[in-house]
N, C-alpha and C. Protein backbone atom coordinates (compact mmCIF):
# COMPACT_ATOMS: atom_id res chain seq x y z
N MET A 1 82.85 105.58 116.89
CA MET A 1 83.71 106.36 116.05
C MET A 1 82.98 106.66 114.79
N ARG A 2 83.23 107.85 114.32
CA ARG A 2 82.56 108.35 113.06
C ARG A 2 83.51 108.16 111.91
N TRP A 3 82.83 108.05 110.68
CA TRP A 3 83.70 107.78 109.46
C TRP A 3 84.74 108.86 109.31
N GLU A 4 84.43 110.09 109.66
CA GLU A 4 85.40 111.08 109.43
C GLU A 4 86.54 111.11 110.40
N ASP A 5 86.44 110.31 111.45
CA ASP A 5 87.55 110.10 112.40
C ASP A 5 88.57 109.10 111.96
N ILE A 6 88.23 108.37 111.09
CA ILE A 6 89.19 107.27 110.56
C ILE A 6 90.36 107.91 109.89
N SER A 7 91.58 107.57 110.30
CA SER A 7 92.82 108.17 109.77
C SER A 7 93.67 107.25 108.98
N LEU A 8 93.23 105.99 108.80
CA LEU A 8 94.13 105.13 107.98
C LEU A 8 93.19 104.21 107.22
N SER A 9 93.48 104.03 105.96
CA SER A 9 92.87 103.01 105.07
C SER A 9 93.91 102.41 104.20
N VAL A 10 93.51 101.24 103.66
CA VAL A 10 94.42 100.55 102.75
C VAL A 10 93.89 100.64 101.35
N ALA A 11 94.63 101.21 100.47
CA ALA A 11 94.17 101.28 99.10
C ALA A 11 94.29 99.86 98.43
N SER A 12 93.09 99.40 97.90
CA SER A 12 93.08 98.11 97.33
C SER A 12 92.35 98.08 96.06
N THR A 13 92.74 97.28 95.11
CA THR A 13 92.15 97.29 93.74
C THR A 13 91.21 96.11 93.57
N VAL A 14 90.08 96.35 92.83
CA VAL A 14 89.21 95.28 92.50
C VAL A 14 89.80 94.39 91.41
N ILE A 15 90.05 93.10 91.67
CA ILE A 15 90.66 92.22 90.66
C ILE A 15 89.73 91.26 90.11
N SER A 16 88.62 91.08 90.71
CA SER A 16 87.57 90.14 90.26
C SER A 16 86.21 90.65 90.78
N ARG A 17 85.14 90.33 89.95
CA ARG A 17 83.80 90.75 90.39
C ARG A 17 82.83 89.73 89.92
N HIS A 18 81.77 89.48 90.56
CA HIS A 18 80.72 88.53 90.14
C HIS A 18 79.38 88.96 90.60
N GLU A 19 78.51 89.08 89.63
CA GLU A 19 77.14 89.61 89.88
C GLU A 19 76.34 88.72 90.77
N GLY A 20 76.73 87.49 90.95
CA GLY A 20 76.01 86.58 91.79
C GLY A 20 74.96 85.80 90.97
N ASP A 21 74.58 84.58 91.63
CA ASP A 21 73.55 83.81 90.98
C ASP A 21 73.00 82.93 92.13
N ALA A 22 72.29 81.91 91.84
CA ALA A 22 71.61 81.05 92.84
C ALA A 22 72.65 80.36 93.62
N GLN A 23 73.84 80.14 93.14
CA GLN A 23 74.84 79.34 93.86
C GLN A 23 75.98 80.09 94.49
N ILE A 24 76.27 81.22 93.87
CA ILE A 24 77.38 81.98 94.42
C ILE A 24 76.91 83.46 94.66
N PRO A 25 77.28 84.01 95.84
CA PRO A 25 76.73 85.36 96.23
C PRO A 25 77.40 86.44 95.46
N ARG A 26 76.77 87.52 95.36
CA ARG A 26 77.33 88.78 94.74
C ARG A 26 78.63 89.20 95.45
N ARG A 27 79.74 89.31 94.78
CA ARG A 27 80.90 89.70 95.43
C ARG A 27 81.97 90.32 94.55
N ILE A 28 83.05 90.82 95.24
CA ILE A 28 84.21 91.28 94.54
C ILE A 28 85.45 90.66 95.28
N VAL A 29 86.52 90.57 94.60
CA VAL A 29 87.74 90.18 95.25
C VAL A 29 88.72 91.39 95.11
N LEU A 30 89.43 91.67 96.25
CA LEU A 30 90.42 92.80 96.28
C LEU A 30 91.92 92.23 96.45
N ASP A 31 92.77 93.08 95.98
CA ASP A 31 94.26 92.58 96.04
C ASP A 31 94.92 92.85 97.39
N ALA A 32 94.24 92.93 98.44
CA ALA A 32 94.75 93.06 99.80
C ALA A 32 94.20 91.93 100.71
N GLY A 33 95.05 91.13 101.30
CA GLY A 33 94.65 90.04 102.13
C GLY A 33 95.14 90.20 103.52
N SER A 34 95.28 89.03 104.18
CA SER A 34 95.69 89.04 105.65
C SER A 34 97.15 89.65 105.78
N LYS A 35 97.95 89.51 104.77
CA LYS A 35 99.31 90.10 104.88
C LYS A 35 99.32 91.57 104.93
N MET A 36 98.16 92.21 104.44
CA MET A 36 98.09 93.63 104.42
C MET A 36 97.15 94.14 105.49
N LEU A 37 96.05 93.50 105.72
CA LEU A 37 94.98 93.98 106.49
C LEU A 37 95.05 93.34 107.84
N GLY A 38 95.82 92.30 108.02
CA GLY A 38 95.70 91.53 109.32
C GLY A 38 94.50 90.61 109.29
N ALA A 39 94.47 89.71 110.13
CA ALA A 39 93.31 88.76 110.16
C ALA A 39 92.44 88.84 111.33
N ASP A 40 92.61 89.99 112.04
CA ASP A 40 91.76 90.20 113.27
C ASP A 40 90.33 90.34 112.91
N ARG A 41 89.54 89.57 113.59
CA ARG A 41 88.02 89.69 113.46
C ARG A 41 87.38 89.45 114.92
N PRO A 42 87.26 90.62 115.62
CA PRO A 42 86.66 90.51 116.94
C PRO A 42 85.34 89.97 116.90
N ALA A 43 84.89 89.46 118.04
CA ALA A 43 83.54 88.77 118.12
C ALA A 43 82.44 89.68 117.67
N TRP A 44 82.66 90.97 117.91
CA TRP A 44 81.61 91.91 117.61
C TRP A 44 81.59 92.36 116.11
N ALA A 45 82.64 92.10 115.44
CA ALA A 45 82.70 92.56 114.01
C ALA A 45 82.02 91.54 113.02
N THR A 46 81.45 92.15 112.04
CA THR A 46 80.77 91.31 110.97
C THR A 46 81.62 91.03 109.72
N GLY A 47 82.84 91.36 109.86
CA GLY A 47 83.78 91.19 108.69
C GLY A 47 85.19 91.42 109.08
N TYR A 48 86.10 91.40 108.15
CA TYR A 48 87.51 91.59 108.35
C TYR A 48 87.98 92.99 108.07
N GLY A 49 87.05 93.97 108.06
CA GLY A 49 87.27 95.36 107.84
C GLY A 49 86.04 95.89 107.11
N ARG A 50 86.10 97.17 106.81
CA ARG A 50 85.06 97.83 106.11
C ARG A 50 85.54 98.50 104.77
N ILE A 51 84.61 98.68 103.85
CA ILE A 51 85.04 99.36 102.60
C ILE A 51 84.39 100.83 102.77
N ALA A 52 85.22 101.81 102.75
CA ALA A 52 84.86 103.22 102.89
C ALA A 52 83.72 103.58 101.93
N GLU A 53 83.83 103.17 100.62
CA GLU A 53 82.92 103.61 99.58
C GLU A 53 81.51 102.85 99.79
N CYS A 54 81.50 101.75 100.55
CA CYS A 54 80.26 101.03 100.69
C CYS A 54 80.33 100.31 102.06
N PRO A 55 79.93 101.04 103.19
CA PRO A 55 80.05 100.56 104.51
C PRO A 55 79.21 99.22 104.73
N GLU A 56 78.21 99.03 103.92
CA GLU A 56 77.34 97.86 104.11
C GLU A 56 77.98 96.65 103.53
N ALA A 57 79.00 96.70 102.75
CA ALA A 57 79.68 95.53 102.19
C ALA A 57 80.46 94.83 103.32
N ARG A 58 80.75 93.55 103.20
CA ARG A 58 81.38 92.81 104.24
C ARG A 58 82.49 92.01 103.72
N ILE A 59 83.68 92.15 104.29
CA ILE A 59 84.83 91.33 103.95
C ILE A 59 84.64 89.98 104.66
N ASN A 60 84.27 89.02 103.94
CA ASN A 60 83.81 87.71 104.65
C ASN A 60 84.96 86.74 104.58
N ALA A 61 86.04 86.88 103.75
CA ALA A 61 87.10 85.87 103.71
C ALA A 61 88.37 86.52 103.32
N LEU A 62 89.48 85.98 103.93
CA LEU A 62 90.78 86.53 103.50
C LEU A 62 91.66 85.35 103.23
N SER A 63 92.53 85.56 102.21
CA SER A 63 93.67 84.62 102.05
C SER A 63 94.86 85.58 102.25
N GLU A 64 96.10 85.15 102.08
CA GLU A 64 97.22 86.00 102.33
C GLU A 64 97.27 87.19 101.52
N HIS A 65 96.81 87.18 100.23
CA HIS A 65 96.93 88.25 99.35
C HIS A 65 95.63 88.83 98.82
N HIS A 66 94.51 88.26 99.18
CA HIS A 66 93.21 88.63 98.65
C HIS A 66 92.08 88.69 99.65
N ALA A 67 91.13 89.53 99.49
CA ALA A 67 90.01 89.63 100.33
C ALA A 67 88.71 89.39 99.50
N THR A 68 87.84 88.61 99.94
CA THR A 68 86.51 88.47 99.22
C THR A 68 85.47 89.28 99.96
N VAL A 69 84.80 90.14 99.26
CA VAL A 69 83.84 91.11 99.80
C VAL A 69 82.50 90.74 99.28
N LEU A 70 81.59 90.46 100.18
CA LEU A 70 80.13 90.33 99.85
C LEU A 70 79.62 91.73 99.58
N TRP A 71 79.01 91.95 98.47
CA TRP A 71 78.54 93.28 97.98
C TRP A 71 76.95 93.36 98.02
N PRO A 72 76.39 94.40 98.54
CA PRO A 72 75.01 94.55 98.74
C PRO A 72 74.23 94.55 97.41
N GLU A 73 73.15 93.88 97.33
CA GLU A 73 72.35 93.84 96.10
C GLU A 73 71.88 95.22 95.66
N ASP A 74 71.70 96.19 96.49
CA ASP A 74 71.23 97.44 96.12
C ASP A 74 72.28 98.47 95.71
N GLN A 75 73.54 98.05 95.68
CA GLN A 75 74.69 98.94 95.39
C GLN A 75 75.33 98.41 94.14
N PRO A 76 75.75 99.25 93.10
CA PRO A 76 76.41 98.87 91.94
C PRO A 76 77.79 98.25 92.33
N LEU A 77 78.14 97.18 91.71
CA LEU A 77 79.48 96.60 91.86
C LEU A 77 80.54 97.57 91.32
N PRO A 78 81.65 97.70 92.03
CA PRO A 78 82.70 98.52 91.51
C PRO A 78 83.30 97.88 90.36
N ALA A 79 83.85 98.72 89.53
CA ALA A 79 84.48 98.30 88.22
C ALA A 79 85.76 97.47 88.50
N HIS A 80 86.06 96.62 87.56
CA HIS A 80 87.35 95.90 87.64
C HIS A 80 88.45 96.92 87.51
N GLY A 81 89.39 96.79 88.34
CA GLY A 81 90.52 97.75 88.34
C GLY A 81 90.21 99.00 89.19
N GLN A 82 89.04 99.23 89.68
CA GLN A 82 88.75 100.33 90.55
C GLN A 82 89.46 100.21 91.88
N GLN A 83 89.93 101.32 92.51
CA GLN A 83 90.63 101.26 93.80
C GLN A 83 89.60 101.69 94.84
N LEU A 84 89.56 100.90 95.95
CA LEU A 84 88.74 101.09 97.07
C LEU A 84 89.54 101.27 98.31
N GLN A 85 89.01 101.92 99.29
CA GLN A 85 89.68 102.18 100.58
C GLN A 85 89.19 101.21 101.60
N VAL A 86 89.99 100.32 102.09
CA VAL A 86 89.63 99.34 103.12
C VAL A 86 90.10 99.82 104.44
N ILE A 87 89.11 99.82 105.42
CA ILE A 87 89.40 100.20 106.76
C ILE A 87 89.71 98.85 107.56
N PRO A 88 90.93 98.62 107.97
CA PRO A 88 91.29 97.39 108.64
C PRO A 88 90.61 97.38 110.07
N ASN A 89 90.33 96.21 110.52
CA ASN A 89 89.71 96.06 111.96
C ASN A 89 90.79 96.53 112.96
N HIS A 90 92.05 96.26 112.73
CA HIS A 90 93.13 96.47 113.78
C HIS A 90 94.26 97.30 113.07
N VAL A 91 94.37 98.49 113.26
CA VAL A 91 95.33 99.29 112.56
C VAL A 91 96.76 98.90 112.93
N CYS A 92 97.01 98.57 114.16
CA CYS A 92 98.32 98.18 114.58
C CYS A 92 98.91 97.09 113.68
N VAL A 93 98.10 95.98 113.49
CA VAL A 93 98.58 94.88 112.70
C VAL A 93 98.83 95.35 111.22
N ALA A 94 97.97 96.10 110.67
CA ALA A 94 98.12 96.61 109.31
C ALA A 94 99.38 97.32 109.13
N VAL A 95 99.65 98.29 110.05
CA VAL A 95 100.83 99.06 110.01
C VAL A 95 102.12 98.24 110.20
N ASN A 96 102.07 97.38 111.14
CA ASN A 96 103.24 96.45 111.47
C ASN A 96 103.69 95.62 110.37
N LEU A 97 102.80 95.40 109.37
CA LEU A 97 103.11 94.43 108.32
C LEU A 97 103.68 95.09 107.16
N VAL A 98 104.01 96.34 107.14
CA VAL A 98 104.71 97.07 106.03
C VAL A 98 105.90 97.87 106.50
N ASP A 99 106.79 98.10 105.59
CA ASP A 99 107.99 98.93 105.90
C ASP A 99 107.74 100.38 105.90
N THR A 100 106.80 100.85 105.04
CA THR A 100 106.47 102.21 104.90
C THR A 100 104.99 102.39 104.65
N VAL A 101 104.45 103.57 104.92
CA VAL A 101 103.17 103.93 104.67
C VAL A 101 103.09 105.25 103.89
N LEU A 102 102.11 105.43 103.03
CA LEU A 102 102.01 106.68 102.29
C LEU A 102 100.98 107.53 102.99
N ALA A 103 101.42 108.67 103.50
CA ALA A 103 100.54 109.56 104.18
C ALA A 103 100.05 110.58 103.21
N VAL A 104 98.72 110.59 103.02
CA VAL A 104 98.03 111.54 102.11
C VAL A 104 97.32 112.59 102.88
N HIS A 105 97.67 113.77 102.73
CA HIS A 105 97.18 114.84 103.55
C HIS A 105 95.89 115.47 102.87
N GLU A 106 95.15 116.17 103.70
CA GLU A 106 93.83 116.74 103.20
C GLU A 106 94.01 117.65 102.00
N ASP A 107 95.13 118.23 101.88
CA ASP A 107 95.36 119.20 100.75
C ASP A 107 95.89 118.37 99.46
N GLY A 108 95.94 117.08 99.64
CA GLY A 108 96.24 116.19 98.42
C GLY A 108 97.72 115.89 98.33
N THR A 109 98.54 116.56 99.11
CA THR A 109 100.01 116.23 99.13
C THR A 109 100.23 114.92 99.85
N SER A 110 101.29 114.32 99.61
CA SER A 110 101.68 113.05 100.26
C SER A 110 103.10 112.93 100.64
N GLU A 111 103.39 112.08 101.61
CA GLU A 111 104.81 111.74 101.92
C GLU A 111 104.83 110.31 102.38
N GLU A 112 106.05 109.70 102.24
CA GLU A 112 106.20 108.38 102.68
C GLU A 112 106.79 108.37 104.06
N TRP A 113 106.22 107.60 105.00
CA TRP A 113 106.70 107.36 106.31
C TRP A 113 107.28 106.05 106.59
N ASN A 114 108.41 105.87 107.17
CA ASN A 114 108.97 104.71 107.65
C ASN A 114 108.28 104.17 108.85
N VAL A 115 108.04 102.93 108.91
CA VAL A 115 107.41 102.32 110.06
C VAL A 115 108.65 101.94 111.01
N ALA A 116 108.79 102.82 112.04
CA ALA A 116 109.98 102.62 112.94
C ALA A 116 110.06 101.31 113.71
N ALA A 117 108.93 100.80 114.02
CA ALA A 117 108.86 99.54 114.83
C ALA A 117 108.82 98.30 114.01
N ARG A 118 108.90 98.42 112.69
CA ARG A 118 108.78 97.29 111.76
C ARG A 118 109.84 96.17 112.12
N GLY A 119 109.41 94.99 112.35
CA GLY A 119 110.30 93.86 112.63
C GLY A 119 110.80 93.74 113.97
N LEU A 120 110.26 94.57 114.86
CA LEU A 120 110.82 94.70 116.26
C LEU A 120 109.94 93.95 117.27
N ASN A 121 109.03 93.12 116.83
CA ASN A 121 108.18 92.35 117.73
C ASN A 121 109.00 91.21 118.28
N PHE A 122 108.94 91.14 119.60
CA PHE A 122 109.75 90.01 120.32
C PHE A 122 108.81 89.25 121.19
C-alpha cells in the first residue's frame, strides 16, 4: 500500500515530549490510545500504527488513552500541542470504537458520518 492510498487517520495531539537521555529513549506521548486506535499489532508490524508526518517513528506502547511514540534521532520532535495523523494498524477496530467520524475531503470541506454498526458486535 502506498501512503497516498491511506484513507483514514486519527488526529492526535502531542501531550508530552522528551528529548531522551542515557536512561530514557527519545519519545513523545499522544492523546490517542487503545480506545481510539485499537490494540492490534500483527506479528509483521513494528508498532501499533504509523505517524503520517514521520513514518520512521514507532508507536511502541499503548494505554487506554495514550500512545508512546519512539521518535527518530534524526527528526525534530514535534511541538507540544501539535496535531499528528496516526494511521491505525486495523481500521475496522478504530472505526468501531467511535460513534461518528469526521470525513475531511480533498477540497478541505468536511462532514460528520455516523458509524452505522457502532455497538452491534455480538
